[in-house]
N, C-alpha and C. Protein backbone atom coordinates (compact mmCIF):
# COMPACT_ATOMS: atom_id res chain seq x y z
N MET A 1 -9.51 -17.65 23.37
CA MET A 1 -8.10 -17.99 23.56
C MET A 1 -7.54 -18.70 22.34
N MET A 2 -8.35 -19.54 21.66
CA MET A 2 -7.88 -20.25 20.49
C MET A 2 -7.49 -19.28 19.39
N LYS A 3 -8.32 -18.25 19.15
CA LYS A 3 -8.02 -17.28 18.08
C LYS A 3 -6.72 -16.55 18.38
N LYS A 4 -6.51 -16.16 19.63
CA LYS A 4 -5.28 -15.45 19.99
C LYS A 4 -4.07 -16.33 19.74
N GLY A 5 -4.19 -17.61 20.04
CA GLY A 5 -3.08 -18.52 19.83
C GLY A 5 -2.76 -18.69 18.36
N LEU A 6 -3.80 -18.82 17.53
CA LEU A 6 -3.60 -18.96 16.10
C LEU A 6 -3.00 -17.70 15.52
N PHE A 7 -3.46 -16.54 15.99
CA PHE A 7 -2.95 -15.27 15.52
C PHE A 7 -1.45 -15.17 15.80
N LEU A 8 -1.02 -15.58 16.99
CA LEU A 8 0.39 -15.51 17.35
C LEU A 8 1.21 -16.43 16.45
N VAL A 9 0.71 -17.62 16.17
CA VAL A 9 1.44 -18.55 15.31
C VAL A 9 1.62 -17.97 13.93
N VAL A 10 0.57 -17.35 13.40
CA VAL A 10 0.65 -16.74 12.08
C VAL A 10 1.68 -15.63 12.05
N VAL A 11 1.65 -14.76 13.05
CA VAL A 11 2.59 -13.64 13.10
C VAL A 11 4.02 -14.12 13.17
N LEU A 12 4.28 -15.12 13.99
CA LEU A 12 5.64 -15.62 14.14
C LEU A 12 6.14 -16.28 12.86
N GLY A 13 5.22 -16.74 12.01
CA GLY A 13 5.63 -17.44 10.81
C GLY A 13 5.71 -16.59 9.57
N PHE A 14 5.59 -15.26 9.68
CA PHE A 14 5.55 -14.40 8.51
C PHE A 14 6.85 -14.44 7.71
N VAL A 15 7.97 -14.22 8.36
CA VAL A 15 9.21 -13.99 7.64
C VAL A 15 9.83 -15.31 7.21
N GLY A 16 10.21 -15.42 5.94
CA GLY A 16 10.80 -16.65 5.43
C GLY A 16 11.83 -16.34 4.37
N THR A 17 12.16 -17.33 3.57
CA THR A 17 13.16 -17.18 2.53
C THR A 17 12.50 -16.74 1.24
N ALA A 18 13.10 -15.78 0.57
CA ALA A 18 12.54 -15.27 -0.68
C ALA A 18 12.58 -16.34 -1.76
N SER A 19 11.63 -16.28 -2.70
CA SER A 19 11.59 -17.23 -3.81
C SER A 19 11.48 -16.47 -5.12
N ALA A 20 11.44 -17.22 -6.23
CA ALA A 20 11.34 -16.59 -7.54
C ALA A 20 9.93 -16.15 -7.86
N ALA A 21 8.94 -16.62 -7.10
CA ALA A 21 7.55 -16.23 -7.34
C ALA A 21 7.37 -14.75 -7.07
N GLU A 22 6.41 -14.14 -7.76
CA GLU A 22 6.21 -12.69 -7.63
C GLU A 22 4.73 -12.37 -7.51
N ILE A 23 4.39 -11.58 -6.50
CA ILE A 23 3.04 -11.05 -6.33
C ILE A 23 3.10 -9.55 -6.60
N ASN A 24 2.27 -9.09 -7.52
CA ASN A 24 2.27 -7.67 -7.90
C ASN A 24 1.17 -6.92 -7.17
N LEU A 25 1.52 -5.81 -6.53
CA LEU A 25 0.54 -4.90 -5.95
C LEU A 25 0.29 -3.77 -6.93
N PHE A 26 -0.94 -3.28 -6.99
CA PHE A 26 -1.23 -2.13 -7.85
C PHE A 26 -2.47 -1.40 -7.34
N TRP A 27 -2.50 -0.10 -7.61
CA TRP A 27 -3.65 0.73 -7.26
C TRP A 27 -4.69 0.67 -8.38
N SER A 28 -5.94 0.82 -8.02
CA SER A 28 -7.04 0.81 -8.98
C SER A 28 -8.08 1.85 -8.58
N THR A 29 -8.76 2.37 -9.57
CA THR A 29 -9.85 3.32 -9.29
C THR A 29 -11.16 2.59 -9.03
N THR A 30 -11.16 1.27 -9.18
CA THR A 30 -12.38 0.49 -8.97
C THR A 30 -12.09 -0.69 -8.05
N GLY A 31 -13.15 -1.18 -7.42
CA GLY A 31 -13.05 -2.32 -6.51
C GLY A 31 -14.39 -2.63 -5.88
N ILE A 32 -14.99 -1.62 -5.24
CA ILE A 32 -16.33 -1.72 -4.66
C ILE A 32 -17.17 -0.61 -5.28
N SER A 33 -18.32 -0.96 -5.85
CA SER A 33 -19.09 0.00 -6.64
C SER A 33 -19.89 1.00 -5.81
N ASP A 34 -20.32 0.63 -4.62
CA ASP A 34 -21.17 1.50 -3.80
C ASP A 34 -20.29 2.39 -2.92
N SER A 35 -20.33 3.70 -3.17
CA SER A 35 -19.48 4.63 -2.42
C SER A 35 -19.80 4.63 -0.92
N ASN A 36 -21.02 4.26 -0.55
CA ASN A 36 -21.39 4.22 0.85
C ASN A 36 -20.79 3.02 1.58
N LEU A 37 -20.30 2.04 0.82
CA LEU A 37 -19.77 0.82 1.43
C LEU A 37 -18.26 0.71 1.34
N MET A 38 -17.62 1.64 0.63
CA MET A 38 -16.18 1.54 0.41
C MET A 38 -15.39 1.44 1.71
N TYR A 39 -15.78 2.24 2.71
CA TYR A 39 -15.06 2.26 3.98
C TYR A 39 -15.90 1.68 5.12
N TYR A 40 -16.88 0.86 4.76
CA TYR A 40 -17.81 0.31 5.74
C TYR A 40 -17.25 -0.99 6.29
N THR A 41 -16.97 -1.04 7.56
CA THR A 41 -16.26 -2.18 8.15
C THR A 41 -17.18 -3.33 8.56
N ALA A 42 -18.47 -3.08 8.66
CA ALA A 42 -19.36 -4.11 9.19
C ALA A 42 -19.76 -5.15 8.15
N MET A 43 -19.52 -4.87 6.87
CA MET A 43 -19.91 -5.81 5.83
C MET A 43 -19.10 -7.09 5.92
N THR A 44 -19.75 -8.23 5.70
CA THR A 44 -19.05 -9.51 5.70
C THR A 44 -18.97 -10.12 4.29
N ASP A 45 -19.72 -9.57 3.34
CA ASP A 45 -19.70 -10.09 1.98
C ASP A 45 -19.88 -8.93 1.00
N PHE A 46 -18.80 -8.56 0.33
CA PHE A 46 -18.84 -7.45 -0.61
C PHE A 46 -19.14 -7.90 -2.04
N GLN A 47 -19.33 -9.20 -2.27
CA GLN A 47 -19.47 -9.72 -3.62
C GLN A 47 -20.50 -8.99 -4.49
N PRO A 48 -21.69 -8.62 -3.97
CA PRO A 48 -22.67 -7.94 -4.83
C PRO A 48 -22.18 -6.60 -5.37
N TRP A 49 -21.18 -6.00 -4.72
CA TRP A 49 -20.69 -4.69 -5.14
C TRP A 49 -19.25 -4.75 -5.67
N PHE A 50 -18.76 -5.96 -5.91
CA PHE A 50 -17.39 -6.18 -6.38
C PHE A 50 -17.26 -5.76 -7.85
N VAL A 51 -16.21 -4.96 -8.16
CA VAL A 51 -15.95 -4.50 -9.52
C VAL A 51 -14.50 -4.82 -9.86
N PRO A 52 -14.23 -5.42 -11.03
CA PRO A 52 -12.85 -5.71 -11.44
C PRO A 52 -11.99 -4.45 -11.45
N PRO A 53 -10.68 -4.61 -11.34
CA PRO A 53 -9.80 -3.44 -11.23
C PRO A 53 -9.66 -2.64 -12.51
N THR A 54 -9.43 -1.34 -12.33
CA THR A 54 -9.02 -0.43 -13.40
C THR A 54 -7.69 0.15 -12.95
N PRO A 55 -6.58 -0.54 -13.23
CA PRO A 55 -5.28 -0.14 -12.69
C PRO A 55 -4.90 1.29 -13.08
N THR A 56 -4.24 1.97 -12.15
CA THR A 56 -3.79 3.34 -12.39
C THR A 56 -2.43 3.55 -11.74
N THR A 57 -1.64 4.40 -12.37
CA THR A 57 -0.33 4.75 -11.80
C THR A 57 -0.25 6.21 -11.42
N GLY A 58 -1.31 7.00 -11.70
CA GLY A 58 -1.24 8.39 -11.30
C GLY A 58 -2.40 9.24 -11.80
N GLY A 59 -2.40 10.50 -11.36
CA GLY A 59 -3.42 11.46 -11.75
C GLY A 59 -3.04 12.83 -11.24
N PRO A 60 -3.80 13.88 -11.64
CA PRO A 60 -3.50 15.24 -11.19
C PRO A 60 -3.67 15.42 -9.69
N ALA A 61 -3.11 16.49 -9.17
CA ALA A 61 -3.18 16.77 -7.74
C ALA A 61 -4.63 16.73 -7.25
N GLY A 62 -4.81 16.24 -6.04
CA GLY A 62 -6.15 16.15 -5.48
C GLY A 62 -6.28 14.99 -4.52
N ALA A 63 -7.50 14.49 -4.39
CA ALA A 63 -7.78 13.37 -3.48
C ALA A 63 -8.46 12.26 -4.26
N TYR A 64 -8.08 11.03 -3.98
CA TYR A 64 -8.62 9.88 -4.69
C TYR A 64 -8.92 8.75 -3.70
N ASP A 65 -9.99 8.03 -3.98
CA ASP A 65 -10.24 6.77 -3.28
C ASP A 65 -9.59 5.69 -4.13
N LEU A 66 -8.48 5.14 -3.67
CA LEU A 66 -7.73 4.16 -4.43
C LEU A 66 -7.84 2.78 -3.78
N PHE A 67 -8.20 1.80 -4.59
CA PHE A 67 -8.29 0.42 -4.12
C PHE A 67 -6.94 -0.26 -4.32
N LEU A 68 -6.49 -0.97 -3.31
CA LEU A 68 -5.24 -1.71 -3.42
C LEU A 68 -5.54 -3.14 -3.82
N TRP A 69 -4.91 -3.57 -4.92
CA TRP A 69 -5.07 -4.92 -5.44
C TRP A 69 -3.72 -5.63 -5.45
N GLY A 70 -3.77 -6.93 -5.52
CA GLY A 70 -2.58 -7.75 -5.74
C GLY A 70 -2.90 -8.77 -6.81
N GLN A 71 -1.88 -9.47 -7.28
CA GLN A 71 -2.10 -10.54 -8.26
C GLN A 71 -1.16 -11.70 -7.99
N PHE A 72 -1.77 -12.88 -7.87
CA PHE A 72 -1.01 -14.10 -7.63
C PHE A 72 -0.18 -14.47 -8.86
N PRO A 73 0.93 -15.19 -8.68
CA PRO A 73 1.64 -15.77 -9.82
C PRO A 73 0.72 -16.72 -10.59
N ALA A 74 1.01 -16.92 -11.88
CA ALA A 74 0.13 -17.71 -12.73
C ALA A 74 -0.01 -19.16 -12.28
N ASP A 75 1.00 -19.70 -11.63
CA ASP A 75 0.97 -21.11 -11.24
C ASP A 75 0.61 -21.32 -9.78
N TRP A 76 -0.08 -20.35 -9.18
CA TRP A 76 -0.41 -20.44 -7.76
C TRP A 76 -1.87 -20.78 -7.49
N ALA A 77 -2.54 -21.44 -8.39
CA ALA A 77 -3.95 -21.80 -8.17
C ALA A 77 -4.08 -22.58 -6.87
N GLY A 78 -4.98 -22.13 -6.01
CA GLY A 78 -5.22 -22.79 -4.73
C GLY A 78 -4.29 -22.36 -3.61
N TYR A 79 -3.25 -21.57 -3.91
CA TYR A 79 -2.35 -21.06 -2.88
C TYR A 79 -3.07 -20.00 -2.06
N SER A 80 -2.52 -19.67 -0.90
CA SER A 80 -3.15 -18.66 -0.06
C SER A 80 -2.11 -17.76 0.60
N ILE A 81 -2.53 -16.54 0.87
CA ILE A 81 -1.75 -15.59 1.68
C ILE A 81 -2.41 -15.58 3.05
N TYR A 82 -1.71 -16.05 4.07
CA TYR A 82 -2.33 -16.10 5.39
C TYR A 82 -1.71 -15.10 6.37
N GLY A 83 -0.72 -14.34 5.91
CA GLY A 83 -0.16 -13.26 6.71
C GLY A 83 0.38 -12.19 5.79
N LEU A 84 0.11 -10.93 6.11
CA LEU A 84 0.54 -9.83 5.25
C LEU A 84 0.74 -8.58 6.09
N ASP A 85 1.89 -7.91 5.89
CA ASP A 85 2.20 -6.68 6.61
C ASP A 85 2.68 -5.66 5.56
N LEU A 86 1.87 -4.61 5.36
CA LEU A 86 2.16 -3.59 4.35
C LEU A 86 2.51 -2.27 5.00
N GLN A 87 3.14 -1.38 4.21
CA GLN A 87 3.59 -0.09 4.74
C GLN A 87 3.45 0.99 3.67
N PHE A 88 2.83 2.12 4.06
CA PHE A 88 2.77 3.28 3.18
C PHE A 88 4.16 3.89 3.04
N GLN A 89 4.52 4.29 1.84
CA GLN A 89 5.78 4.98 1.58
C GLN A 89 5.51 6.16 0.65
N GLY A 90 6.51 7.02 0.45
CA GLY A 90 6.34 8.18 -0.41
C GLY A 90 6.01 9.43 0.38
N ASN A 91 5.92 10.57 -0.32
CA ASN A 91 5.71 11.85 0.35
C ASN A 91 4.29 12.38 0.25
N ALA A 92 3.38 11.65 -0.41
CA ALA A 92 1.97 12.05 -0.42
C ALA A 92 1.34 11.58 0.89
N THR A 93 0.15 12.03 1.17
CA THR A 93 -0.51 11.66 2.42
C THR A 93 -1.70 10.75 2.14
N HIS A 94 -2.19 10.10 3.17
CA HIS A 94 -3.38 9.28 3.04
C HIS A 94 -4.29 9.57 4.23
N ASP A 95 -5.57 9.55 3.94
CA ASP A 95 -6.57 9.81 4.98
C ASP A 95 -7.04 8.45 5.50
N VAL A 96 -8.31 8.18 5.48
CA VAL A 96 -8.82 6.90 5.96
C VAL A 96 -8.33 5.76 5.08
N ASN A 97 -8.16 4.59 5.65
CA ASN A 97 -7.79 3.41 4.88
C ASN A 97 -8.16 2.17 5.67
N LEU A 98 -8.42 1.07 4.99
CA LEU A 98 -8.71 -0.17 5.67
C LEU A 98 -8.50 -1.36 4.74
N ALA A 99 -8.27 -2.51 5.34
CA ALA A 99 -8.18 -3.78 4.62
C ALA A 99 -9.53 -4.47 4.71
N TYR A 100 -10.00 -5.00 3.60
CA TYR A 100 -11.29 -5.68 3.60
C TYR A 100 -11.20 -7.05 4.26
N ARG A 101 -12.09 -7.30 5.20
CA ARG A 101 -12.09 -8.59 5.90
C ARG A 101 -12.80 -9.65 5.07
N GLN A 102 -13.85 -9.30 4.34
CA GLN A 102 -14.57 -10.19 3.45
C GLN A 102 -14.72 -11.60 4.01
N ARG A 103 -15.81 -11.83 4.70
CA ARG A 103 -16.12 -13.12 5.31
C ARG A 103 -15.06 -13.54 6.33
N GLY A 104 -14.47 -12.55 7.01
CA GLY A 104 -13.52 -12.86 8.05
C GLY A 104 -12.20 -13.39 7.58
N ARG A 105 -11.75 -12.97 6.37
CA ARG A 105 -10.47 -13.47 5.86
C ARG A 105 -9.31 -13.14 6.79
N TRP A 106 -9.42 -12.01 7.54
CA TRP A 106 -8.40 -11.67 8.54
C TRP A 106 -9.00 -11.73 9.93
N GLY A 107 -8.18 -12.04 10.94
CA GLY A 107 -8.64 -12.04 12.32
C GLY A 107 -8.60 -10.64 12.89
N ALA A 108 -8.68 -10.52 14.19
CA ALA A 108 -8.64 -9.25 14.93
C ALA A 108 -9.95 -8.49 14.76
N GLY A 109 -9.91 -7.16 15.00
CA GLY A 109 -11.12 -6.35 15.05
C GLY A 109 -11.70 -6.05 13.68
N PRO A 110 -12.83 -5.33 13.64
CA PRO A 110 -13.51 -5.03 12.38
C PRO A 110 -12.75 -4.06 11.48
N ARG A 111 -11.95 -3.16 12.06
CA ARG A 111 -11.21 -2.20 11.23
C ARG A 111 -9.72 -2.55 11.27
N ILE A 112 -9.21 -3.05 10.17
CA ILE A 112 -7.80 -3.38 10.04
C ILE A 112 -7.19 -2.44 9.02
N PRO A 113 -6.20 -1.63 9.39
CA PRO A 113 -5.62 -0.69 8.43
C PRO A 113 -4.79 -1.40 7.37
N LEU A 114 -4.66 -0.76 6.20
CA LEU A 114 -3.81 -1.31 5.15
C LEU A 114 -2.36 -1.38 5.58
N ASP A 115 -1.91 -0.38 6.33
CA ASP A 115 -0.51 -0.36 6.75
C ASP A 115 -0.38 -1.00 8.14
N GLY A 116 -0.55 -2.29 8.17
CA GLY A 116 -0.46 -3.00 9.43
C GLY A 116 -0.50 -4.50 9.19
N VAL A 117 -0.60 -5.24 10.27
CA VAL A 117 -0.58 -6.70 10.19
C VAL A 117 -1.96 -7.25 9.87
N MET A 118 -2.04 -8.08 8.84
CA MET A 118 -3.25 -8.81 8.48
C MET A 118 -2.92 -10.29 8.70
N ALA A 119 -3.56 -10.90 9.67
CA ALA A 119 -3.28 -12.29 10.00
C ALA A 119 -4.56 -13.11 9.90
N ALA A 120 -4.49 -14.22 9.19
CA ALA A 120 -5.67 -15.05 8.95
C ALA A 120 -5.90 -16.02 10.10
N VAL A 121 -7.15 -16.12 10.52
CA VAL A 121 -7.54 -17.14 11.48
C VAL A 121 -8.03 -18.37 10.71
N THR A 122 -8.57 -18.13 9.50
CA THR A 122 -9.03 -19.23 8.64
C THR A 122 -8.20 -19.27 7.37
N GLY A 123 -8.76 -18.82 6.24
CA GLY A 123 -8.09 -19.01 4.96
C GLY A 123 -7.23 -17.88 4.45
N GLY A 124 -7.46 -16.64 4.90
CA GLY A 124 -6.75 -15.51 4.33
C GLY A 124 -7.25 -15.22 2.93
N ILE A 125 -6.34 -14.88 2.01
CA ILE A 125 -6.69 -14.65 0.61
C ILE A 125 -6.27 -15.89 -0.18
N VAL A 126 -7.23 -16.55 -0.81
CA VAL A 126 -6.96 -17.80 -1.52
C VAL A 126 -7.10 -17.58 -3.02
N ASP A 127 -6.16 -18.11 -3.80
CA ASP A 127 -6.19 -17.98 -5.25
C ASP A 127 -7.22 -18.94 -5.84
N THR A 128 -8.47 -18.64 -5.55
CA THR A 128 -9.61 -19.36 -6.09
C THR A 128 -10.66 -18.31 -6.43
N PRO A 129 -11.21 -18.31 -7.65
CA PRO A 129 -12.20 -17.29 -8.02
C PRO A 129 -13.33 -17.19 -7.00
N GLY A 130 -13.67 -15.96 -6.63
CA GLY A 130 -14.67 -15.69 -5.61
C GLY A 130 -14.01 -15.03 -4.42
N ASN A 131 -14.82 -14.54 -3.46
CA ASN A 131 -14.27 -13.91 -2.24
C ASN A 131 -13.32 -12.77 -2.60
N LEU A 132 -13.73 -11.94 -3.56
CA LEU A 132 -12.96 -10.78 -4.05
C LEU A 132 -11.69 -11.20 -4.78
N VAL A 133 -11.69 -12.38 -5.37
CA VAL A 133 -10.57 -12.85 -6.20
C VAL A 133 -11.11 -13.14 -7.60
N GLN A 134 -10.36 -12.69 -8.64
CA GLN A 134 -10.81 -12.86 -10.01
C GLN A 134 -10.27 -14.15 -10.62
N GLU A 135 -10.78 -14.48 -11.81
CA GLU A 135 -10.33 -15.66 -12.54
C GLU A 135 -8.84 -15.59 -12.84
N ASP A 136 -8.31 -14.39 -13.08
CA ASP A 136 -6.89 -14.25 -13.43
C ASP A 136 -5.98 -14.14 -12.22
N GLY A 137 -6.53 -14.34 -11.02
CA GLY A 137 -5.72 -14.30 -9.82
C GLY A 137 -5.55 -12.94 -9.18
N ALA A 138 -6.18 -11.90 -9.74
CA ALA A 138 -6.13 -10.57 -9.11
C ALA A 138 -7.05 -10.56 -7.90
N PHE A 139 -6.60 -9.96 -6.79
CA PHE A 139 -7.40 -9.96 -5.57
C PHE A 139 -7.42 -8.58 -4.93
N LEU A 140 -8.57 -8.22 -4.39
CA LEU A 140 -8.78 -6.93 -3.74
C LEU A 140 -8.34 -7.00 -2.29
N ILE A 141 -7.46 -6.07 -1.88
CA ILE A 141 -6.94 -6.06 -0.51
C ILE A 141 -7.67 -5.05 0.36
N GLY A 142 -7.82 -3.82 -0.14
CA GLY A 142 -8.45 -2.77 0.67
C GLY A 142 -8.50 -1.46 -0.07
N ILE A 143 -8.63 -0.37 0.68
CA ILE A 143 -8.83 0.95 0.08
C ILE A 143 -8.14 2.02 0.93
N ALA A 144 -7.72 3.09 0.26
CA ALA A 144 -7.13 4.25 0.95
C ALA A 144 -7.52 5.51 0.22
N ARG A 145 -7.71 6.60 0.96
CA ARG A 145 -7.96 7.90 0.34
C ARG A 145 -6.62 8.63 0.25
N ALA A 146 -6.12 8.74 -0.96
CA ALA A 146 -4.82 9.35 -1.21
C ALA A 146 -4.98 10.83 -1.49
N VAL A 147 -4.11 11.65 -0.90
CA VAL A 147 -4.15 13.11 -1.09
C VAL A 147 -2.74 13.58 -1.40
N GLY A 148 -2.60 14.36 -2.50
CA GLY A 148 -1.27 14.82 -2.85
C GLY A 148 -1.26 15.99 -3.81
N THR A 149 -0.10 16.61 -3.92
CA THR A 149 0.13 17.70 -4.87
C THR A 149 1.06 17.20 -5.97
N ALA A 150 1.19 17.99 -7.03
CA ALA A 150 1.99 17.59 -8.18
C ALA A 150 3.40 17.19 -7.76
N GLY A 151 3.84 16.05 -8.24
CA GLY A 151 5.17 15.56 -7.93
C GLY A 151 5.24 14.63 -6.73
N GLN A 152 4.18 14.57 -5.93
CA GLN A 152 4.19 13.67 -4.78
C GLN A 152 3.83 12.25 -5.19
N VAL A 153 4.24 11.30 -4.37
CA VAL A 153 4.04 9.88 -4.68
C VAL A 153 3.49 9.16 -3.44
N LEU A 154 2.56 8.25 -3.67
CA LEU A 154 2.07 7.39 -2.60
C LEU A 154 2.31 5.95 -3.01
N THR A 155 3.08 5.24 -2.21
CA THR A 155 3.44 3.85 -2.51
C THR A 155 3.02 2.94 -1.37
N MET A 156 2.53 1.77 -1.72
CA MET A 156 2.26 0.73 -0.74
C MET A 156 3.20 -0.43 -1.04
N ALA A 157 3.99 -0.82 -0.04
CA ALA A 157 4.98 -1.86 -0.23
C ALA A 157 4.94 -2.85 0.93
N LEU A 158 5.56 -3.98 0.72
CA LEU A 158 5.67 -4.97 1.79
C LEU A 158 6.56 -4.42 2.90
N HIS A 159 6.12 -4.60 4.13
CA HIS A 159 6.87 -4.12 5.30
C HIS A 159 7.72 -5.29 5.83
N THR A 160 9.02 -5.20 5.62
CA THR A 160 9.87 -6.34 5.97
C THR A 160 10.89 -6.06 7.07
N THR A 161 11.33 -4.81 7.21
CA THR A 161 12.35 -4.50 8.22
C THR A 161 11.95 -3.26 9.01
N PRO A 162 11.47 -3.40 10.24
CA PRO A 162 11.36 -4.63 11.05
C PRO A 162 9.99 -5.29 10.94
N GLY A 163 9.32 -5.08 9.82
CA GLY A 163 7.98 -5.64 9.69
C GLY A 163 7.97 -7.14 9.54
N LEU A 164 6.77 -7.68 9.35
CA LEU A 164 6.60 -9.13 9.34
C LEU A 164 6.53 -9.72 7.94
N GLY A 165 6.40 -8.89 6.90
CA GLY A 165 6.45 -9.39 5.55
C GLY A 165 5.21 -10.11 5.10
N ILE A 166 5.39 -11.30 4.53
CA ILE A 166 4.29 -12.06 3.95
C ILE A 166 4.47 -13.54 4.27
N ALA A 167 3.37 -14.26 4.40
CA ALA A 167 3.40 -15.70 4.64
C ALA A 167 2.38 -16.37 3.73
N CYS A 168 2.80 -17.42 3.03
CA CYS A 168 1.94 -18.08 2.05
C CYS A 168 1.98 -19.59 2.20
N ARG A 169 0.90 -20.23 1.76
CA ARG A 169 0.81 -21.68 1.74
C ARG A 169 0.41 -22.16 0.35
N ASP A 170 0.81 -23.39 0.00
CA ASP A 170 0.41 -23.94 -1.28
C ASP A 170 -0.98 -24.57 -1.17
N ALA A 171 -1.44 -25.19 -2.27
CA ALA A 171 -2.79 -25.75 -2.30
C ALA A 171 -2.97 -26.90 -1.32
N ASN A 172 -1.87 -27.48 -0.83
CA ASN A 172 -1.94 -28.56 0.15
C ASN A 172 -1.81 -28.07 1.58
N GLY A 173 -1.73 -26.75 1.75
CA GLY A 173 -1.62 -26.19 3.09
C GLY A 173 -0.21 -26.14 3.62
N GLU A 174 0.79 -26.42 2.77
CA GLU A 174 2.18 -26.39 3.19
C GLU A 174 2.77 -25.00 3.00
N GLU A 175 3.54 -24.52 3.96
CA GLU A 175 4.16 -23.20 3.86
C GLU A 175 5.17 -23.18 2.72
N VAL A 176 5.20 -22.08 1.97
CA VAL A 176 6.11 -21.95 0.84
C VAL A 176 7.05 -20.76 1.07
N PRO A 177 8.21 -20.72 0.39
CA PRO A 177 9.11 -19.58 0.52
C PRO A 177 8.41 -18.28 0.15
N ASP A 178 8.81 -17.20 0.80
CA ASP A 178 8.18 -15.91 0.55
C ASP A 178 8.37 -15.47 -0.90
N PRO A 179 7.30 -15.05 -1.56
CA PRO A 179 7.43 -14.50 -2.91
C PRO A 179 7.98 -13.08 -2.86
N THR A 180 8.48 -12.60 -3.98
CA THR A 180 8.80 -11.19 -4.12
C THR A 180 7.49 -10.43 -4.25
N VAL A 181 7.36 -9.30 -3.58
CA VAL A 181 6.14 -8.49 -3.66
C VAL A 181 6.50 -7.13 -4.25
N THR A 182 6.02 -6.84 -5.46
CA THR A 182 6.31 -5.56 -6.10
C THR A 182 5.34 -4.50 -5.57
N PRO A 183 5.81 -3.29 -5.25
CA PRO A 183 4.95 -2.27 -4.65
C PRO A 183 3.99 -1.63 -5.65
N ALA A 184 2.94 -1.02 -5.09
CA ALA A 184 1.99 -0.22 -5.88
C ALA A 184 2.32 1.25 -5.69
N THR A 185 2.42 2.00 -6.79
CA THR A 185 2.79 3.41 -6.71
C THR A 185 1.81 4.28 -7.49
N PHE A 186 1.39 5.38 -6.86
CA PHE A 186 0.52 6.37 -7.50
C PHE A 186 1.25 7.71 -7.46
N THR A 187 1.45 8.32 -8.64
CA THR A 187 2.16 9.58 -8.75
C THR A 187 1.19 10.71 -9.10
N PHE A 188 1.25 11.78 -8.33
CA PHE A 188 0.43 12.97 -8.61
C PHE A 188 1.17 13.82 -9.64
N VAL A 189 0.58 13.93 -10.83
CA VAL A 189 1.25 14.60 -11.94
C VAL A 189 0.80 16.06 -12.05
N PRO A 190 1.61 16.93 -12.67
CA PRO A 190 1.23 18.33 -12.84
C PRO A 190 0.06 18.48 -13.80
N GLU A 191 -0.69 19.57 -13.67
CA GLU A 191 -1.69 19.93 -14.67
C GLU A 191 -0.94 20.21 -15.97
N PRO A 192 -1.57 20.10 -17.16
CA PRO A 192 -3.02 19.99 -17.37
C PRO A 192 -3.56 18.57 -17.44
N ALA A 193 -2.90 17.60 -16.83
CA ALA A 193 -3.43 16.25 -16.86
C ALA A 193 -4.85 16.26 -16.30
N SER A 194 -5.77 15.64 -17.01
CA SER A 194 -7.17 15.71 -16.59
C SER A 194 -7.80 14.34 -16.37
N VAL A 195 -7.06 13.30 -16.70
CA VAL A 195 -7.59 11.96 -16.49
C VAL A 195 -6.55 11.12 -15.79
N LEU A 196 -7.00 10.07 -15.15
CA LEU A 196 -6.07 9.16 -14.49
C LEU A 196 -5.24 8.43 -15.53
N LEU A 197 -3.99 8.16 -15.18
CA LEU A 197 -3.13 7.38 -16.04
C LEU A 197 -3.44 5.92 -15.81
N VAL A 198 -4.03 5.27 -16.79
CA VAL A 198 -4.46 3.89 -16.64
C VAL A 198 -3.51 2.95 -17.37
N VAL A 199 -3.06 1.95 -16.67
CA VAL A 199 -2.21 0.93 -17.27
C VAL A 199 -2.98 -0.37 -17.20
N ALA A 200 -3.68 -0.71 -18.27
CA ALA A 200 -4.61 -1.83 -18.23
C ALA A 200 -3.94 -3.18 -18.43
N GLY A 201 -2.72 -3.19 -18.94
CA GLY A 201 -2.13 -4.48 -19.25
C GLY A 201 -0.98 -4.88 -18.36
N ALA A 202 0.07 -4.04 -18.29
CA ALA A 202 1.32 -4.45 -17.65
C ALA A 202 1.16 -4.78 -16.18
N LEU A 203 0.39 -3.97 -15.45
CA LEU A 203 0.31 -4.17 -14.00
C LEU A 203 -0.45 -5.43 -13.62
N ILE A 204 -1.38 -5.87 -14.48
CA ILE A 204 -2.16 -7.03 -14.09
C ILE A 204 -1.81 -8.27 -14.91
N ARG A 205 -0.70 -8.17 -15.67
CA ARG A 205 -0.27 -9.33 -16.44
C ARG A 205 0.23 -10.41 -15.50
N ARG A 206 -0.24 -11.62 -15.68
CA ARG A 206 0.19 -12.72 -14.84
C ARG A 206 1.58 -13.16 -15.25
N ARG A 207 2.41 -13.45 -14.26
CA ARG A 207 3.80 -13.84 -14.54
C ARG A 207 4.02 -15.31 -14.24
């Protein structure tokens, strides 16, 4: 009963006032190194297989296992995301997808989809190195298998209307105004493109 009560409080507190802070979402071709564990929901600690991001904005038609990452603002050390509601957009399709729980960062059942409510019973995602968070504040959210043809786009964005948006706390545990969340977009480009379009700097630059 306690977990259900906490979950309800988190959900009710998602929507707030926008602020100047910005969290960037981006797709990556890397995140978890073992292909057998990418969609495995029973794991509680992915650290041994954690791989830093290789940001990408697109590739030729086909199917890709894309990891969804975010990045905290540069001055958010110790801040946390304790509620998050995302939504797939665009005309490409997605097959299996899930949000990583990693030591129970989110409540509810073992399989939490990327396009749904992620509510923390404990810490959520904290801007502290470790627990799938890097020194530069980049953090791994989950994975999706994207499928598309040339010209199609798959975007992951914050779900705000009528979704629940995002809820964050500062290093002292105080709720802060909602940051702006920039979406992650993957574009399926026409042949003869043969490699993924990698953007190693702009997408993961701290602001």
